[in-house]
Each structure stands twice: as structure tokens, then as C-alpha cells.
PDB file of N, CA and C in Angstrom:
ATOM      1  N   MET A   1     -48.425-114.987  60.090  1.00  0.00           N
ATOM      2  CA  MET A   1     -49.875-115.033  60.040  1.00  0.00           C
ATOM      3  C   MET A   1     -50.535-113.730  60.479  1.00  0.00           C
ATOM      4  N   PRO A   2     -50.024-113.014  61.460  1.00  0.00           N
ATOM      5  CA  PRO A   2     -50.688-111.780  61.863  1.00  0.00           C
ATOM      6  C   PRO A   2     -50.868-110.809  60.701  1.00  0.00           C
ATOM      7  N   LYS A   3     -49.971-110.872  59.722  1.00  0.00           N
ATOM      8  CA  LYS A   3     -50.069-109.968  58.590  1.00  0.00           C
ATOM      9  C   LYS A   3     -51.373-110.189  57.821  1.00  0.00           C
ATOM     10  N   LYS A   4     -51.770-111.458  57.636  1.00  0.00           N
ATOM     11  CA  LYS A   4     -53.026-111.754  56.950  1.00  0.00           C
ATOM     12  C   LYS A   4     -54.210-111.167  57.704  1.00  0.00           C
ATOM     13  N   LYS A   5     -54.174-111.280  59.017  1.00  0.00           N
ATOM     14  CA  LYS A   5     -55.269-110.760  59.822  1.00  0.00           C
ATOM     15  C   LYS A   5     -55.375-109.241  59.645  1.00  0.00           C
ATOM     16  N   ASN A   6     -54.243-108.546  59.643  1.00  0.00           N
ATOM     17  CA  ASN A   6     -54.251-107.099  59.447  1.00  0.00           C
ATOM     18  C   ASN A   6     -54.767-106.744  58.061  1.00  0.00           C
ATOM     19  N   GLN A   7     -54.374-107.528  57.063  1.00  0.00           N
ATOM     20  CA  GLN A   7     -54.857-107.270  55.709  1.00  0.00           C
ATOM     21  C   GLN A   7     -56.361-107.466  55.642  1.00  0.00           C
ATOM     22  N   ASN A   8     -56.876-108.478  56.323  1.00  0.00           N
ATOM     23  CA  ASN A   8     -58.311-108.726  56.340  1.00  0.00           C
ATOM     24  C   ASN A   8     -59.040-107.571  57.025  1.00  0.00           C
ATOM     25  N   ASN A   9     -58.501-107.106  58.152  1.00  0.00           N
ATOM     26  CA  ASN A   9     -59.104-105.962  58.852  1.00  0.00           C
ATOM     27  C   ASN A   9     -59.088-104.719  57.980  1.00  0.00           C
ATOM     28  N   ASP A  10     -57.983-104.506  57.263  1.00  0.00           N
ATOM     29  CA  ASP A  10     -57.888-103.355  56.367  1.00  0.00           C
ATOM     30  C   ASP A  10     -58.935-103.445  55.269  1.00  0.00           C
ATOM     31  N   SER A  11     -59.129-104.648  54.755  1.00  0.00           N
ATOM     32  CA  SER A  11     -60.110-104.859  53.695  1.00  0.00           C
ATOM     33  C   SER A  11     -61.527-104.599  54.205  1.00  0.00           C
ATOM     34  N   VAL A  12     -61.821-105.083  55.395  1.00  0.00           N
ATOM     35  CA  VAL A  12     -63.145-104.871  55.995  1.00  0.00           C
ATOM     36  C   VAL A  12     -63.371-103.378  56.221  1.00  0.00           C
ATOM     37  N   ALA A  13     -62.367-102.699  56.748  1.00  0.00           N
ATOM     38  CA  ALA A  13     -62.496-101.258  57.002  1.00  0.00           C
ATOM     39  C   ALA A  13     -62.667-100.490  55.699  1.00  0.00           C
ATOM     40  N   LYS A  14     -61.927-100.880  54.686  1.00  0.00           N
ATOM     41  CA  LYS A  14     -62.030-100.205  53.388  1.00  0.00           C
ATOM     42  C   LYS A  14     -63.431-100.382  52.800  1.00  0.00           C
ATOM     43  N   ASN A  15     -63.960-101.595  52.891  1.00  0.00           N
ATOM     44  CA  ASN A  15     -65.311-101.854  52.390  1.00  0.00           C
ATOM     45  C   ASN A  15     -66.354-101.060  53.171  1.00  0.00           C
ATOM     46  N   ALA A  16     -66.184-100.977  54.484  1.00  0.00           N
ATOM     47  CA  ALA A  16     -67.128-100.235  55.322  1.00  0.00           C
ATOM     48  C   ALA A  16     -67.105 -98.753  54.967  1.00  0.00           C
ATOM     49  N   LYS A  17     -65.913 -98.210  54.726  1.00  0.00           N
ATOM     50  CA  LYS A  17     -65.809 -96.796  54.348  1.00  0.00           C
ATOM     51  C   LYS A  17     -66.444 -96.550  52.980  1.00  0.00           C
ATOM     52  N   GLU A  18     -66.253 -97.483  52.074  1.00  0.00           N
ATOM     53  CA  GLU A  18     -66.851 -97.355  50.745  1.00  0.00           C
ATOM     54  C   GLU A  18     -68.378 -97.369  50.844  1.00  0.00           C
ATOM     55  N   GLU A  19     -68.916 -98.278  51.664  1.00  0.00           N
ATOM     56  CA  GLU A  19     -70.370 -98.332  51.869  1.00  0.00           C
ATOM     57  C   GLU A  19     -70.886 -97.038  52.490  1.00  0.00           C
ATOM     58  N   LEU A  20     -70.149 -96.514  53.458  1.00  0.00           N
ATOM     59  CA  LEU A  20     -70.533 -95.265  54.110  1.00  0.00           C
ATOM     60  C   LEU A  20     -70.533 -94.110  53.105  1.00  0.00           C
ATOM     61  N   LYS A  21     -69.542 -94.099  52.221  1.00  0.00           N
ATOM     62  CA  LYS A  21     -69.459 -93.050  51.201  1.00  0.00           C
ATOM     63  C   LYS A  21     -70.695 -93.080  50.301  1.00  0.00           C
ATOM     64  N   TRP A  22     -71.073 -94.278  49.853  1.00  0.00           N
ATOM     65  CA  TRP A  22     -72.228 -94.395  48.956  1.00  0.00           C
ATOM     66  C   TRP A  22     -73.532 -94.063  49.678  1.00  0.00           C
ATOM     67  N   GLU A  23     -73.638 -94.506  50.930  1.00  0.00           N
ATOM     68  CA  GLU A  23     -74.832 -94.198  51.726  1.00  0.00           C
ATOM     69  C   GLU A  23     -74.984 -92.684  51.883  1.00  0.00           C
ATOM     70  N   THR A  24     -73.880 -92.029  52.189  1.00  0.00           N
ATOM     71  CA  THR A  24     -73.898 -90.577  52.390  1.00  0.00           C
ATOM     72  C   THR A  24     -74.226 -89.858  51.083  1.00  0.00           C
ATOM     73  N   ALA A  25     -73.632 -90.319  49.988  1.00  0.00           N
ATOM     74  CA  ALA A  25     -73.900 -89.703  48.685  1.00  0.00           C
ATOM     75  C   ALA A  25     -75.379 -89.845  48.311  1.00  0.00           C
ATOM     76  N   ARG A  26     -75.958 -91.016  48.601  1.00  0.00           N
ATOM     77  CA  ARG A  26     -77.386 -91.225  48.323  1.00  0.00           C
ATOM     78  C   ARG A  26     -78.237 -90.252  49.131  1.00  0.00           C
ATOM     79  N   GLU A  27     -77.911 -90.103  50.410  1.00  0.00           N
ATOM     80  CA  GLU A  27     -78.671 -89.205  51.278  1.00  0.00           C
ATOM     81  C   GLU A  27     -78.619 -87.760  50.781  1.00  0.00           C
ATOM     82  N   LEU A  28     -77.493 -87.394  50.172  1.00  0.00           N
ATOM     83  CA  LEU A  28     -77.321 -86.020  49.678  1.00  0.00           C
ATOM     84  C   LEU A  28     -77.783 -85.872  48.227  1.00  0.00           C
ATOM     85  N   GLY A  29     -78.226 -86.975  47.623  1.00  0.00           N
ATOM     86  CA  GLY A  29     -78.665 -86.927  46.233  1.00  0.00           C
ATOM     87  C   GLY A  29     -77.518 -86.793  45.247  1.00  0.00           C
ATOM     88  N   LEU A  30     -76.323 -87.231  45.643  1.00  0.00           N
ATOM     89  CA  LEU A  30     -75.142 -87.090  44.795  1.00  0.00           C
ATOM     90  C   LEU A  30     -74.618 -88.430  44.279  1.00  0.00           C
ATOM     91  N   ASP A  31     -75.381 -89.497  44.499  1.00  0.00           N
ATOM     92  CA  ASP A  31     -74.903 -90.813  44.103  1.00  0.00           C
ATOM     93  C   ASP A  31     -74.767 -90.967  42.592  1.00  0.00           C
ATOM     94  N   ASP A  32     -75.624 -90.287  41.825  1.00  0.00           N
ATOM     95  CA  ASP A  32     -75.518 -90.362  40.366  1.00  0.00           C
ATOM     96  C   ASP A  32     -74.192 -89.764  39.894  1.00  0.00           C
ATOM     97  N   ASP A  33     -73.822 -88.632  40.470  1.00  0.00           N
ATOM     98  CA  ASP A  33     -72.555 -87.999  40.110  1.00  0.00           C
ATOM     99  C   ASP A  33     -71.373 -88.853  40.551  1.00  0.00           C
ATOM    100  N   LEU A  34     -71.481 -89.471  41.704  1.00  0.00           N
ATOM    101  CA  LEU A  34     -70.408 -90.320  42.208  1.00  0.00           C
ATOM    102  C   LEU A  34     -70.258 -91.569  41.335  1.00  0.00           C
ATOM    103  N   GLN A  35     -71.382 -92.088  40.878  1.00  0.00           N
ATOM    104  CA  GLN A  35     -71.362 -93.286  40.050  1.00  0.00           C
ATOM    105  C   GLN A  35     -70.658 -93.031  38.720  1.00  0.00           C
ATOM    106  N   ALA A  36     -70.685 -91.807  38.260  1.00  0.00           N
ATOM    107  CA  ALA A  36     -70.034 -91.446  37.003  1.00  0.00           C
ATOM    108  C   ALA A  36     -68.521 -91.337  37.178  1.00  0.00           C
ATOM    109  N   GLY A  37     -67.994 -91.895  38.246  1.00  0.00           N
ATOM    110  CA  GLY A  37     -66.558 -91.884  38.484  1.00  0.00           C
ATOM    111  C   GLY A  37     -66.102 -90.746  39.369  1.00  0.00           C
ATOM    112  N   GLY A  38     -67.015 -89.925  39.793  1.00  0.00           N
ATOM    113  CA  GLY A  38     -66.670 -88.814  40.664  1.00  0.00           C
ATOM    114  C   GLY A  38     -66.246 -87.578  39.903  1.00  0.00           C
ATOM    115  N   ASP A  39     -66.056 -87.710  38.580  1.00  0.00           N
ATOM    116  CA  ASP A  39     -65.628 -86.558  37.778  1.00  0.00           C
ATOM    117  C   ASP A  39     -66.705 -85.490  37.707  1.00  0.00           C
ATOM    118  N   GLU A  40     -67.949 -85.877  37.913  1.00  0.00           N
ATOM    119  CA  GLU A  40     -69.055 -84.936  37.838  1.00  0.00           C
ATOM    120  C   GLU A  40     -69.237 -84.151  39.141  1.00  0.00           C
ATOM    121  N   LEU A  41     -68.559 -84.590  40.201  1.00  0.00           N
ATOM    122  CA  LEU A  41     -68.699 -83.916  41.496  1.00  0.00           C
ATOM    123  C   LEU A  41     -67.854 -82.649  41.533  1.00  0.00           C
ATOM    124  N   SER A  42     -68.436 -81.604  42.062  1.00  0.00           N
ATOM    125  CA  SER A  42     -67.643 -80.397  42.308  1.00  0.00           C
ATOM    126  C   SER A  42     -66.862 -80.617  43.607  1.00  0.00           C
ATOM    127  N   VAL A  43     -65.905 -79.760  43.838  1.00  0.00           N
ATOM    128  CA  VAL A  43     -65.135 -79.846  45.084  1.00  0.00           C
ATOM    129  C   VAL A  43     -66.070 -79.681  46.277  1.00  0.00           C
ATOM    130  N   ARG A  44     -67.027 -78.809  46.146  1.00  0.00           N
ATOM    131  CA  ARG A  44     -67.986 -78.562  47.224  1.00  0.00           C
ATOM    132  C   ARG A  44     -68.816 -79.811  47.514  1.00  0.00           C
ATOM    133  N   GLU A  45     -69.287 -80.496  46.454  1.00  0.00           N
ATOM    134  CA  GLU A  45     -70.091 -81.701  46.627  1.00  0.00           C
ATOM    135  C   GLU A  45     -69.268 -82.824  47.256  1.00  0.00           C
ATOM    136  N   ALA A  46     -68.038 -82.979  46.794  1.00  0.00           N
ATOM    137  CA  ALA A  46     -67.167 -84.003  47.372  1.00  0.00           C
ATOM    138  C   ALA A  46     -66.911 -83.697  48.847  1.00  0.00           C
ATOM    139  N   GLY A  47     -66.755 -82.411  49.154  1.00  0.00           N
ATOM    140  CA  GLY A  47     -66.562 -82.008  50.543  1.00  0.00           C
ATOM    141  C   GLY A  47     -67.774 -82.291  51.408  1.00  0.00           C
ATOM    142  N   LYS A  48     -68.950 -82.119  50.830  1.00  0.00           N
ATOM    143  CA  LYS A  48     -70.180 -82.435  51.568  1.00  0.00           C
ATOM    144  C   LYS A  48     -70.219 -83.918  51.926  1.00  0.00           C
ATOM    145  N   ILE A  49     -69.877 -84.755  50.955  1.00  0.00           N
ATOM    146  CA  ILE A  49     -69.881 -86.199  51.215  1.00  0.00           C
ATOM    147  C   ILE A  49     -68.872 -86.523  52.307  1.00  0.00           C
ATOM    148  N   GLY A  50     -67.656 -86.016  52.169  1.00  0.00           N
ATOM    149  CA  GLY A  50     -66.621 -86.290  53.161  1.00  0.00           C
ATOM    150  C   GLY A  50     -66.972 -85.755  54.541  1.00  0.00           C
ATOM    151  N   GLY A  51     -67.490 -84.547  54.587  1.00  0.00           N
ATOM    152  CA  GLY A  51     -67.857 -83.945  55.866  1.00  0.00           C
ATOM    153  C   GLY A  51     -68.951 -84.717  56.578  1.00  0.00           C
ATOM    154  N   ASN A  52     -69.948 -85.150  55.813  1.00  0.00           N
ATOM    155  CA  ASN A  52     -71.032 -85.927  56.412  1.00  0.00           C
ATOM    156  C   ASN A  52     -70.557 -87.305  56.845  1.00  0.00           C
ATOM    157  N   MET A  53     -69.599 -87.870  56.107  1.00  0.00           N
ATOM    158  CA  MET A  53     -69.025 -89.152  56.528  1.00  0.00           C
ATOM    159  C   MET A  53     -68.327 -88.997  57.886  1.00  0.00           C
ATOM    160  N   VAL A  54     -67.588 -87.909  58.029  1.00  0.00           N
ATOM    161  CA  VAL A  54     -66.878 -87.662  59.292  1.00  0.00           C
ATOM    162  C   VAL A  54     -67.882 -87.501  60.438  1.00  0.00           C
ATOM    163  N   LYS A  55     -68.967 -86.760  60.204  1.00  0.00           N
ATOM    164  CA  LYS A  55     -69.994 -86.596  61.243  1.00  0.00           C
ATOM    165  C   LYS A  55     -70.550 -87.945  61.682  1.00  0.00           C
ATOM    166  N   LYS A  56     -70.822 -88.817  60.702  1.00  0.00           N
ATOM    167  CA  LYS A  56     -71.354 -90.139  61.028  1.00  0.00           C
ATOM    168  C   LYS A  56     -70.347 -90.971  61.801  1.00  0.00           C
ATOM    169  N   LEU A  57     -69.075 -90.915  61.395  1.00  0.00           N
ATOM    170  CA  LEU A  57     -68.048 -91.682  62.093  1.00  0.00           C
ATOM    171  C   LEU A  57     -67.865 -91.194  63.528  1.00  0.00           C
ATOM    172  N   VAL A  58     -67.910 -89.893  63.719  1.00  0.00           N
ATOM    173  CA  VAL A  58     -67.790 -89.332  65.072  1.00  0.00           C
ATOM    174  C   VAL A  58     -68.971 -89.784  65.920  1.00  0.00           C
ATOM    175  N   ALA A  59     -70.171 -89.744  65.365  1.00  0.00           N
ATOM    176  CA  ALA A  59     -71.357 -90.165  66.110  1.00  0.00           C
ATOM    177  C   ALA A  59     -71.255 -91.643  66.498  1.00  0.00           C
ATOM    178  N   LYS A  60     -70.783 -92.484  65.570  1.00  0.00           N
ATOM    179  CA  LYS A  60     -70.628 -93.909  65.886  1.00  0.00           C
ATOM    180  C   LYS A  60     -69.567 -94.114  66.968  1.00  0.00           C
ATOM    181  N   GLY A  61     -68.507 -93.334  66.897  1.00  0.00           N
ATOM    182  CA  GLY A  61     -67.465 -93.416  67.918  1.00  0.00           C
ATOM    183  C   GLY A  61     -67.984 -93.010  69.287  1.00  0.00           C
ATOM    184  N   GLU A  62     -68.779 -91.958  69.327  1.00  0.00           N
ATOM    185  CA  GLU A  62     -69.368 -91.508  70.586  1.00  0.00           C
ATOM    186  C   GLU A  62     -70.303 -92.575  71.148  1.00  0.00           C
ATOM    187  N   GLU A  63     -71.099 -93.197  70.266  1.00  0.00           N
ATOM    188  CA  GLU A  63     -71.993 -94.274  70.711  1.00  0.00           C
ATOM    189  C   GLU A  63     -71.192 -95.435  71.298  1.00  0.00           C
ATOM    190  N   ALA A  64     -70.093 -95.775  70.648  1.00  0.00           N
ATOM    191  CA  ALA A  64     -69.251 -96.881  71.131  1.00  0.00           C
ATOM    192  C   ALA A  64     -68.662 -96.552  72.496  1.00  0.00           C
ATOM    193  N   LEU A  65     -68.260 -95.303  72.690  1.00  0.00           N
ATOM    194  CA  LEU A  65     -67.703 -94.893  73.989  1.00  0.00           C
ATOM    195  C   LEU A  65     -68.757 -94.964  75.082  1.00  0.00           C
ATOM    196  N   VAL A  66     -69.975 -94.540  74.763  1.00  0.00           N
ATOM    197  CA  VAL A  66     -71.063 -94.595  75.743  1.00  0.00           C
ATOM    198  C   VAL A  66     -71.341 -96.060  76.110  1.00  0.00           C
ATOM    199  N   GLU A  67     -71.428 -96.919  75.119  1.00  0.00           N
ATOM    200  CA  GLU A  67     -71.681 -98.344  75.373  1.00  0.00           C
ATOM    201  C   GLU A  67     -70.558 -98.955  76.203  1.00  0.00           C
ATOM    202  N   GLU A  68     -69.325 -98.580  75.892  1.00  0.00           N
ATOM    203  CA  GLU A  68     -68.173 -99.102  76.634  1.00  0.00           C
ATOM    204  C   GLU A  68     -68.233 -98.664  78.089  1.00  0.00           C
ATOM    205  N   ASN A  69     -68.609 -97.423  78.342  1.00  0.00           N
ATOM    206  CA  ASN A  69     -68.699 -96.916  79.703  1.00  0.00           C
ATOM    207  C   ASN A  69     -69.861 -97.531  80.464  1.00  0.00           C
ATOM    208  N   GLU A  70     -70.927 -97.881  79.759  1.00  0.00           N
ATOM    209  CA  GLU A  70     -72.076 -98.508  80.407  1.00  0.00           C
ATOM    210  C   GLU A  70     -71.748 -99.937  80.860  1.00  0.00           C
ATOM    211  N   GLU A  71     -70.869-100.594  80.136  1.00  0.00           N
ATOM    212  CA  GLU A  71     -70.492-101.957  80.464  1.00  0.00           C
ATOM    213  C   GLU A  71     -69.623-102.036  81.704  1.00  0.00           C
ATOM    214  N   GLU A  72     -68.921-100.951  81.998  1.00  0.00           N
ATOM    215  CA  GLU A  72     -67.993-100.957  83.157  1.00  0.00           C
ATOM    216  C   GLU A  72     -68.701-100.833  84.453  1.00  0.00           C
TER     217      GLU A  72
END
């Protein structure tokens, strides 16, 4: 049974990353190119999306650490 739980967590994480990718692409005005299958994106544009996703993930991680420390 633990395997199902891990698969569910993986699925949730995958969906969250996909949502983050689209949110970031929209913010950068690149969602139209991404919607076309990503073939329209230049390497630079794809890098912008990925880089901004990483910035957001780091910020969320920092927020979680602050909240965790406040609870202690």
C-alpha cells in the first residue's frame, strides 16, 4: 500500500509543477508559445520560465522554513 501513497504524492507534485510552469509562462507572456507544444519557445525563453519557477520554489521553501521556526 505505501507504493500507492507515493504514486499519489508524485502525481500531486507533478500537477503542482505543471501549474507553476503555466502560471510562470503567463506572467512572462510566453503561455501562447508554450501552448503550441513548446516548439515555439527559444532556449532563452524556456530558461526564463525554468529560472522563474526555481525562484518561486525557493521563496516558498524559505516561507515554509520561517513558518516552521515560528511554530517551535
